[in-house]
Amino acid sequence: MQNVICEAGRTPCESRLHERNVSLDVLRVLCMFLIVLGHAMFHGHVLQALTPNSVNDCMTSVLRAFLSVHVNCFVLLSGYFLCTQEFRPVRFFAIWGQAFFWSAALYLLLCIGGAPFEGKTFLKACLPFTQKRYWFVTTYLLMYALAPLLNAAARAMSQRQHAVFLAVFFIIYIALQNLCFWERFTATDSYDPLFFAYLYMIAAYFRRYPARRTQRQYLLGYCAVCLFAAAWKLAMAWITNRVAGKPMGENMFLSYSSVTMVVASACLFRFFEGLHISGKIVRSAAPLLSSLTFGVYLIHEQPEVRPLLWERWLRPAAYAHSPFLIPMLFAMALAVFCGCGALEYLRQRVSALLGAKKLTEAAAERIGRRVSARIEGIFRLAHKDGP
């Protein structure tokens, strides 16, 4: 494979392995905070309660455009690190186990607190991967299962081939679907493992080849694209309301798989990738907070907790017409992030004391070896039966 040499004489991949890039930890924490902030607006029914074309409507539209890169950046972060690592089944089971714990434990805690217990619901809580309780976990794990193939493809391609692949995929499965509405022929939505795999390959390209533009250019690109998406939403909502009596097409450039959000996510990632953070407090706190982000997602998005959190306890929709809407949304998101982060930190400490990680790793390795042996056996039999 074509290599790009850094000043130190190493490829970008080798150079970055010698020192932790804390800026990417900061990006991970920022993305999770933005996810919680977005959920405050969506699950808190703020968007439905807003008066069209009001000041709060305009501000939330701009805010929504800038935060809609969060999921894409999370996948980019995963691909950036996984593309140079050997596939390990233990990671698959660790993610599933963490989702299982919070899905089932929180349901039982709510039942202990007075919520009615239902066997069917508890069974679903014990099967978070297959019951659509966490769409991101399901899509992510399906993408992770493809990681060995994606890594092999990335290693086999030259820089030019990799760039052409990304460009062709973008044109066919992103641009044509977004701009020409060819959903039937190029159906790749935001929840599709194929879309996550594409983001993975973008991250693999970023890992192997240095940025060609300055951080200032990437930051300006991110801001410009997001402002365009916000302006489109506001303009289309106003125009279609006047013409058709209802908003139409206003969210076209706000979905994760839209042209704008893919470009904005790549720009923001490149900006943080080259950001040098020297502050001691940030360098010590960012890795710890980064390790808690997945737990924050699992806790506040638990299906039985989510309606309680946003509709009964915090109720952000009550501030839809308040001049303090945006500060209140940020305050609620920060409170949820900190509270869920504390619970995840506690789980990690207890898990470490009980040695749960070692047990999980041992079980995963045994299962991985058996599955690999079975697959190899099947293909050897298939080869013998062939011509």
Protein backbone atom coordinates (compact mmCIF):
# COMPACT_ATOMS: atom_id res chain seq x y z
CA MET A 1 0.00 0.00 0.00
CA GLN A 2 1.08 3.49 -0.76
CA ASN A 3 2.53 5.13 2.35
CA VAL A 4 2.72 8.78 3.29
CA ILE A 5 5.79 9.60 5.38
CA CYS A 6 5.67 12.10 8.23
CA GLU A 7 8.49 14.32 9.36
CA ALA A 8 9.50 11.76 11.98
CA GLY A 9 9.92 9.13 9.29
CA ARG A 10 6.80 7.15 10.19
CA THR A 11 3.52 6.67 8.42
CA PRO A 12 0.61 8.64 9.92
CA CYS A 13 -0.71 5.42 11.41
CA GLU A 14 2.57 4.65 13.20
CA SER A 15 3.06 8.19 14.46
CA ARG A 16 -0.36 8.44 16.02
CA LEU A 17 -0.01 5.19 17.89
CA HIS A 18 2.88 6.55 19.97
CA GLU A 19 0.87 9.31 21.64
CA ARG A 20 -2.78 9.44 22.60
CA ASN A 21 -4.68 12.06 20.62
CA VAL A 22 -6.66 13.61 23.46
CA SER A 23 -8.50 15.87 21.03
CA LEU A 24 -10.38 12.82 19.76
CA ASP A 25 -11.43 12.02 23.32
CA VAL A 26 -12.75 15.57 23.54
CA LEU A 27 -14.64 15.03 20.29
CA ARG A 28 -16.20 11.84 21.65
CA VAL A 29 -17.35 13.62 24.81
CA LEU A 30 -18.67 16.55 22.77
CA CYS A 31 -20.60 14.22 20.46
CA MET A 32 -22.27 12.42 23.36
CA PHE A 33 -23.26 15.75 24.91
CA LEU A 34 -24.74 16.79 21.56
CA ILE A 35 -26.63 13.50 21.37
CA VAL A 36 -28.18 14.14 24.78
CA LEU A 37 -28.96 17.71 23.75
CA GLY A 38 -30.66 16.47 20.58
CA HIS A 39 -32.70 13.96 22.57
CA ALA A 40 -33.82 16.77 24.86
CA MET A 41 -35.34 18.48 21.82
CA PHE A 42 -36.76 15.36 20.16
CA HIS A 43 -37.88 13.17 23.05
CA GLY A 44 -38.80 16.21 25.10
CA HIS A 45 -41.23 17.23 22.29
CA VAL A 46 -39.73 20.70 22.08
CA LEU A 47 -39.83 20.79 18.29
CA GLN A 48 -43.57 20.03 18.20
CA ALA A 49 -44.32 22.70 20.79
CA LEU A 50 -42.48 25.52 19.00
CA THR A 51 -44.35 28.25 17.15
CA PRO A 52 -43.32 28.19 13.45
CA ASN A 53 -40.97 31.03 12.43
CA SER A 54 -40.56 32.18 16.04
CA VAL A 55 -37.21 33.16 17.50
CA ASN A 56 -36.97 29.85 19.38
CA ASP A 57 -37.85 27.95 16.20
CA CYS A 58 -35.00 29.64 14.34
CA MET A 59 -32.51 29.08 17.15
CA THR A 60 -33.38 25.39 17.57
CA SER A 61 -33.14 24.90 13.80
CA VAL A 62 -29.60 26.29 13.79
CA LEU A 63 -28.70 24.29 16.89
CA ARG A 64 -30.13 21.11 15.37
CA ALA A 65 -28.05 21.59 12.22
CA PHE A 66 -24.82 21.96 14.19
CA LEU A 67 -25.45 18.94 16.42
CA SER A 68 -26.66 16.52 13.72
CA VAL A 69 -23.07 15.37 13.11
CA HIS A 70 -22.85 13.57 16.47
CA VAL A 71 -23.67 10.00 15.42
CA ASN A 72 -21.55 10.18 12.26
CA CYS A 73 -18.55 11.42 14.25
CA PHE A 74 -18.99 8.58 16.73
CA VAL A 75 -18.76 6.05 13.90
CA LEU A 76 -15.80 7.91 12.40
CA LEU A 77 -14.01 7.68 15.74
CA SER A 78 -14.62 3.93 15.89
CA GLY A 79 -13.39 3.36 12.36
CA TYR A 80 -10.35 5.56 12.94
CA PHE A 81 -9.09 3.33 15.75
CA LEU A 82 -10.45 -0.06 14.65
CA CYS A 83 -8.98 0.10 11.14
CA THR A 84 -5.49 -0.59 12.50
CA GLN A 85 -6.50 -3.21 15.07
CA GLU A 86 -7.02 -6.93 14.83
CA PHE A 87 -10.65 -8.02 15.02
CA ARG A 88 -11.47 -9.27 18.51
CA PRO A 89 -14.77 -11.02 19.30
CA VAL A 90 -14.41 -9.88 22.91
CA ARG A 91 -15.25 -6.31 21.88
CA PHE A 92 -18.47 -7.49 20.24
CA PHE A 93 -19.55 -9.29 23.41
CA ALA A 94 -18.42 -6.43 25.66
CA ILE A 95 -20.67 -3.98 23.81
CA TRP A 96 -23.57 -6.42 23.89
CA GLY A 97 -22.98 -7.15 27.57
CA GLN A 98 -22.95 -3.47 28.50
CA ALA A 99 -26.19 -2.88 26.59
CA PHE A 100 -27.75 -5.94 28.22
CA PHE A 101 -26.78 -4.77 31.71
CA TRP A 102 -28.26 -1.29 31.46
CA SER A 103 -31.34 -2.41 29.53
CA ALA A 104 -32.27 -5.13 32.03
CA ALA A 105 -30.98 -3.49 35.23
CA LEU A 106 -32.78 -0.21 34.68
CA TYR A 107 -36.03 -2.03 33.87
CA LEU A 108 -35.78 -4.02 37.11
CA LEU A 109 -34.96 -0.89 39.09
CA LEU A 110 -38.06 0.84 37.72
CA CYS A 111 -40.15 -2.19 38.66
CA ILE A 112 -38.72 -2.13 42.17
CA GLY A 113 -39.64 1.55 42.29
CA GLY A 114 -43.28 0.80 41.54
CA ALA A 115 -43.60 0.30 37.78
CA PRO A 116 -45.61 -2.79 36.75
CA PHE A 117 -43.52 -5.83 35.82
CA GLU A 118 -44.30 -7.50 32.47
CA GLY A 119 -42.58 -10.70 31.45
CA LYS A 120 -42.67 -9.86 27.75
CA THR A 121 -41.11 -6.45 28.30
CA PHE A 122 -38.45 -7.90 30.58
CA LEU A 123 -37.57 -10.47 27.91
CA LYS A 124 -37.15 -7.65 25.41
CA ALA A 125 -34.99 -5.81 27.92
CA CYS A 126 -32.73 -8.87 28.07
CA LEU A 127 -32.40 -8.92 24.27
CA PRO A 128 -31.41 -5.34 23.43
CA PHE A 129 -29.55 -6.34 20.26
CA THR A 130 -32.53 -7.98 18.54
CA GLN A 131 -35.51 -6.00 19.87
CA LYS A 132 -34.67 -2.55 18.46
CA ARG A 133 -34.26 -1.08 21.92
CA TYR A 134 -31.03 0.63 20.92
CA TRP A 135 -30.91 1.18 17.16
CA PHE A 136 -27.33 2.47 17.32
CA VAL A 137 -26.07 -0.63 19.13
CA THR A 138 -27.69 -2.96 16.60
CA THR A 139 -26.35 -1.05 13.60
CA TYR A 140 -22.91 -0.62 15.15
CA LEU A 141 -22.50 -4.30 15.99
CA LEU A 142 -23.55 -5.32 12.48
CA MET A 143 -20.95 -2.91 11.11
CA TYR A 144 -18.33 -4.22 13.56
CA ALA A 145 -18.90 -7.75 12.28
CA LEU A 146 -17.74 -6.47 8.88
CA ALA A 147 -14.62 -4.78 10.30
CA PRO A 148 -12.16 -7.53 9.21
CA LEU A 149 -13.37 -7.25 5.61
CA LEU A 150 -13.35 -3.44 5.70
CA ASN A 151 -9.81 -3.42 7.09
CA ALA A 152 -8.62 -5.88 4.45
CA ALA A 153 -10.14 -3.73 1.72
CA ALA A 154 -8.54 -0.58 3.10
CA ARG A 155 -5.12 -2.23 3.27
CA ALA A 156 -5.40 -3.61 -0.25
CA MET A 157 -6.26 -0.27 -1.88
CA SER A 158 -3.85 2.46 -2.88
CA GLN A 159 -4.66 6.00 -1.81
CA ARG A 160 -6.11 6.77 -5.22
CA GLN A 161 -8.29 3.64 -5.23
CA HIS A 162 -9.51 4.39 -1.71
CA ALA A 163 -10.39 7.97 -2.67
CA VAL A 164 -12.23 6.84 -5.81
CA PHE A 165 -14.21 4.28 -3.80
CA LEU A 166 -15.29 6.94 -1.30
CA ALA A 167 -16.23 9.36 -4.08
CA VAL A 168 -18.27 6.81 -6.07
CA PHE A 169 -20.12 5.60 -2.98
CA PHE A 170 -20.84 9.20 -1.99
CA ILE A 171 -22.26 10.06 -5.40
CA ILE A 172 -24.43 6.95 -5.78
CA TYR A 173 -25.61 6.25 -2.23
CA ILE A 174 -25.53 9.72 -0.67
CA ALA A 175 -25.84 12.47 -3.27
CA LEU A 176 -28.28 10.78 -5.69
CA GLN A 177 -30.53 9.61 -2.88
CA ASN A 178 -30.43 12.99 -1.16
CA LEU A 179 -30.78 15.20 -4.21
CA CYS A 180 -32.69 13.05 -6.70
CA PHE A 181 -34.84 11.02 -4.29
CA TRP A 182 -33.75 7.65 -5.68
CA GLU A 183 -34.57 5.88 -2.43
CA ARG A 184 -35.86 2.76 -4.17
CA PHE A 185 -32.57 2.20 -5.98
CA THR A 186 -30.05 3.59 -3.48
CA ALA A 187 -31.76 2.97 -0.15
CA THR A 188 -29.08 3.71 2.45
CA ASP A 189 -30.62 5.53 5.39
CA SER A 190 -29.08 6.79 8.62
CA TYR A 191 -29.76 3.50 10.43
CA ASP A 192 -28.28 1.23 7.77
CA PRO A 193 -25.12 -0.80 8.59
CA LEU A 194 -24.00 -0.09 5.01
CA PHE A 195 -23.95 3.63 5.80
CA PHE A 196 -21.94 2.98 8.96
CA ALA A 197 -19.52 0.87 6.92
CA TYR A 198 -19.04 3.81 4.55
CA LEU A 199 -18.24 6.12 7.47
CA TYR A 200 -15.80 3.44 8.68
CA MET A 201 -13.99 3.56 5.35
CA ILE A 202 -13.82 7.36 5.48
CA ALA A 203 -12.19 7.10 8.90
CA ALA A 204 -9.75 4.47 7.59
CA TYR A 205 -8.72 6.92 4.87
CA PHE A 206 -8.24 9.67 7.44
CA ARG A 207 -6.09 7.36 9.56
CA ARG A 208 -3.74 6.51 6.71
CA TYR A 209 -3.44 9.82 4.89
CA PRO A 210 -2.85 13.26 6.44
CA ALA A 211 -5.21 16.18 6.02
CA ARG A 212 -4.67 18.34 2.94
CA ARG A 213 -6.26 21.48 4.35
CA THR A 214 -5.77 23.61 7.43
CA GLN A 215 -7.81 23.30 10.61
CA ARG A 216 -9.27 26.72 9.95
CA GLN A 217 -10.58 25.52 6.59
CA TYR A 218 -12.14 22.40 8.12
CA LEU A 219 -13.82 24.41 10.87
CA LEU A 220 -15.14 26.96 8.39
CA GLY A 221 -16.36 24.13 6.18
CA TYR A 222 -18.24 22.55 9.08
CA CYS A 223 -19.87 25.87 10.04
CA ALA A 224 -20.77 26.77 6.44
CA VAL A 225 -22.42 23.42 5.71
CA CYS A 226 -24.40 23.45 8.95
CA LEU A 227 -25.58 27.02 8.39
CA PHE A 228 -26.72 26.02 4.89
CA ALA A 229 -28.70 23.08 6.32
CA ALA A 230 -30.33 25.36 8.90
CA ALA A 231 -31.15 28.02 6.31
CA TRP A 232 -32.67 25.37 4.02
CA LYS A 233 -34.89 24.08 6.82
CA LEU A 234 -36.18 27.52 7.75
CA ALA A 235 -36.69 28.64 4.15
CA MET A 236 -38.40 25.44 2.98
CA ALA A 237 -40.68 25.35 6.03
CA TRP A 238 -41.77 28.94 5.36
CA ILE A 239 -42.24 28.46 1.59
CA THR A 240 -44.08 25.13 1.70
CA ASN A 241 -46.33 26.35 4.52
CA ARG A 242 -47.36 29.24 2.31
CA VAL A 243 -47.81 27.12 -0.83
CA ALA A 244 -49.00 23.72 0.41
CA GLY A 245 -50.26 24.57 3.88
CA LYS A 246 -47.74 22.30 5.59
CA PRO A 247 -43.93 22.00 5.81
CA MET A 248 -42.37 19.74 3.18
CA GLY A 249 -38.75 18.78 2.58
CA GLU A 250 -37.43 21.04 5.32
CA ASN A 251 -35.39 18.25 6.96
CA MET A 252 -33.82 17.09 3.71
CA PHE A 253 -30.29 18.14 4.70
CA LEU A 254 -30.50 17.27 8.40
CA SER A 255 -30.51 13.46 8.31
CA TYR A 256 -27.27 11.72 9.23
CA SER A 257 -26.92 10.22 5.73
CA SER A 258 -27.54 13.51 3.91
CA VAL A 259 -24.87 15.18 1.77
CA THR A 260 -24.52 18.04 4.22
CA MET A 261 -24.17 16.00 7.41
CA VAL A 262 -21.65 13.58 5.89
CA VAL A 263 -19.49 16.50 4.72
CA ALA A 264 -19.93 18.41 8.00
CA SER A 265 -19.02 15.31 10.04
CA ALA A 266 -15.86 14.76 8.02
CA CYS A 267 -14.85 18.41 8.42
CA LEU A 268 -15.43 18.42 12.17
CA PHE A 269 -13.52 15.15 12.59
CA ARG A 270 -10.55 16.46 10.59
CA PHE A 271 -10.58 19.63 12.69
CA PHE A 272 -10.34 17.71 15.97
CA GLU A 273 -7.89 15.19 14.53
CA GLY A 274 -5.28 17.94 14.08
CA LEU A 275 -6.15 19.85 17.24
CA HIS A 276 -3.35 19.91 19.81
CA ILE A 277 -4.54 20.16 23.42
CA SER A 278 -1.88 20.91 26.01
CA GLY A 279 -3.99 21.72 29.08
CA LYS A 280 -3.26 19.24 31.87
CA ILE A 281 -6.82 19.21 33.20
CA VAL A 282 -8.30 18.43 29.79
CA ARG A 283 -5.64 15.83 29.02
CA SER A 284 -6.40 13.99 32.25
CA ALA A 285 -10.19 14.38 32.25
CA ALA A 286 -10.96 13.76 28.57
CA PRO A 287 -9.92 10.06 28.43
CA LEU A 288 -11.95 9.29 31.57
CA LEU A 289 -15.06 11.08 30.33
CA SER A 290 -14.60 9.46 26.92
CA SER A 291 -14.73 6.00 28.49
CA LEU A 292 -18.12 6.84 30.03
CA THR A 293 -19.87 8.10 26.89
CA PHE A 294 -21.32 4.78 25.71
CA GLY A 295 -22.79 4.20 29.16
CA VAL A 296 -24.35 7.68 29.08
CA TYR A 297 -26.06 6.73 25.83
CA LEU A 298 -27.32 3.37 27.13
CA ILE A 299 -28.72 4.81 30.35
CA HIS A 300 -30.59 7.86 29.10
CA GLU A 301 -31.84 6.05 25.98
CA GLN A 302 -33.16 3.01 27.86
CA PRO A 303 -36.74 2.74 26.46
CA GLU A 304 -38.46 2.70 29.85
CA VAL A 305 -36.28 5.48 31.28
CA ARG A 306 -36.50 7.78 28.25
CA PRO A 307 -40.17 8.86 28.59
CA LEU A 308 -39.78 9.32 32.32
CA LEU A 309 -36.70 11.43 31.87
CA TRP A 310 -37.95 13.81 29.19
CA GLU A 311 -41.74 13.80 29.62
CA ARG A 312 -42.22 13.54 33.38
CA TRP A 313 -39.07 14.67 35.15
CA LEU A 314 -37.33 17.35 33.04
CA ARG A 315 -40.11 18.33 30.58
CA PRO A 316 -38.12 20.66 28.28
CA ALA A 317 -41.26 21.29 26.17
CA ALA A 318 -42.51 23.53 28.99
CA TYR A 319 -39.81 26.05 27.95
CA ALA A 320 -40.68 26.01 24.24
CA HIS A 321 -41.94 29.60 24.36
CA SER A 322 -39.48 30.83 26.97
CA PRO A 323 -36.58 33.16 26.14
CA PHE A 324 -34.45 30.79 28.23
CA LEU A 325 -35.18 27.72 26.07
CA ILE A 326 -31.64 27.26 24.75
CA PRO A 327 -29.91 27.72 28.14
CA MET A 328 -32.40 25.33 29.73
CA LEU A 329 -31.77 22.70 27.04
CA PHE A 330 -28.02 22.94 27.63
CA ALA A 331 -28.48 22.75 31.40
CA MET A 332 -30.72 19.67 31.15
CA ALA A 333 -28.34 17.95 28.73
CA LEU A 334 -25.40 18.65 31.04
CA ALA A 335 -27.29 17.32 34.06
CA VAL A 336 -28.28 14.13 32.23
CA PHE A 337 -24.74 13.64 30.92
CA CYS A 338 -23.20 14.04 34.38
CA GLY A 339 -25.79 11.86 36.14
CA CYS A 340 -25.56 9.03 33.63
CA GLY A 341 -21.78 9.34 33.54
CA ALA A 342 -21.64 8.90 37.32
CA LEU A 343 -23.75 5.73 37.09
CA GLU A 344 -21.55 4.31 34.34
CA TYR A 345 -18.42 5.14 36.34
CA LEU A 346 -19.86 3.25 39.29
CA ARG A 347 -20.67 0.25 37.08
CA GLN A 348 -17.13 0.18 35.74
CA ARG A 349 -15.61 0.27 39.22
CA VAL A 350 -17.85 -2.50 40.54
CA SER A 351 -17.22 -4.55 37.41
CA ALA A 352 -13.47 -4.19 37.90
CA LEU A 353 -13.72 -5.29 41.55
CA LEU A 354 -15.75 -8.37 40.61
CA GLY A 355 -13.44 -9.30 37.74
CA ALA A 356 -16.33 -9.29 35.26
CA LYS A 357 -14.11 -8.05 32.44
CA LYS A 358 -11.79 -11.04 32.66
CA LEU A 359 -14.71 -13.47 32.68
CA THR A 360 -16.24 -11.77 29.64
CA GLU A 361 -12.96 -11.82 27.75
CA ALA A 362 -12.39 -15.52 28.50
CA ALA A 363 -15.92 -16.45 27.41
CA ALA A 364 -15.68 -14.33 24.27
CA GLU A 365 -12.37 -15.89 23.28
CA ARG A 366 -13.79 -19.40 23.68
CA ILE A 367 -16.88 -18.54 21.63
CA GLY A 368 -14.73 -16.83 19.01
CA ARG A 369 -12.49 -19.87 18.62
CA ARG A 370 -15.46 -22.21 18.28
CA VAL A 371 -17.19 -20.02 15.71
CA SER A 372 -13.97 -19.67 13.71
CA ALA A 373 -13.39 -23.41 13.78
CA ARG A 374 -16.96 -24.09 12.67
CA ILE A 375 -16.70 -21.60 9.78
CA GLU A 376 -13.39 -23.09 8.66
CA GLY A 377 -14.89 -26.56 8.85
CA ILE A 378 -17.90 -25.55 6.75
CA PHE A 379 -15.78 -24.03 4.02
CA ARG A 380 -13.42 -27.01 3.96
CA LEU A 381 -16.43 -29.29 3.44
CA ALA A 382 -17.76 -26.99 0.74
CA HIS A 383 -14.39 -27.11 -0.99
CA LYS A 384 -14.30 -30.91 -0.91
CA ASP A 385 -17.81 -31.13 -2.35
CA GLY A 386 -16.91 -28.81 -5.23
CA PRO A 387 -15.58 -29.84 -8.64
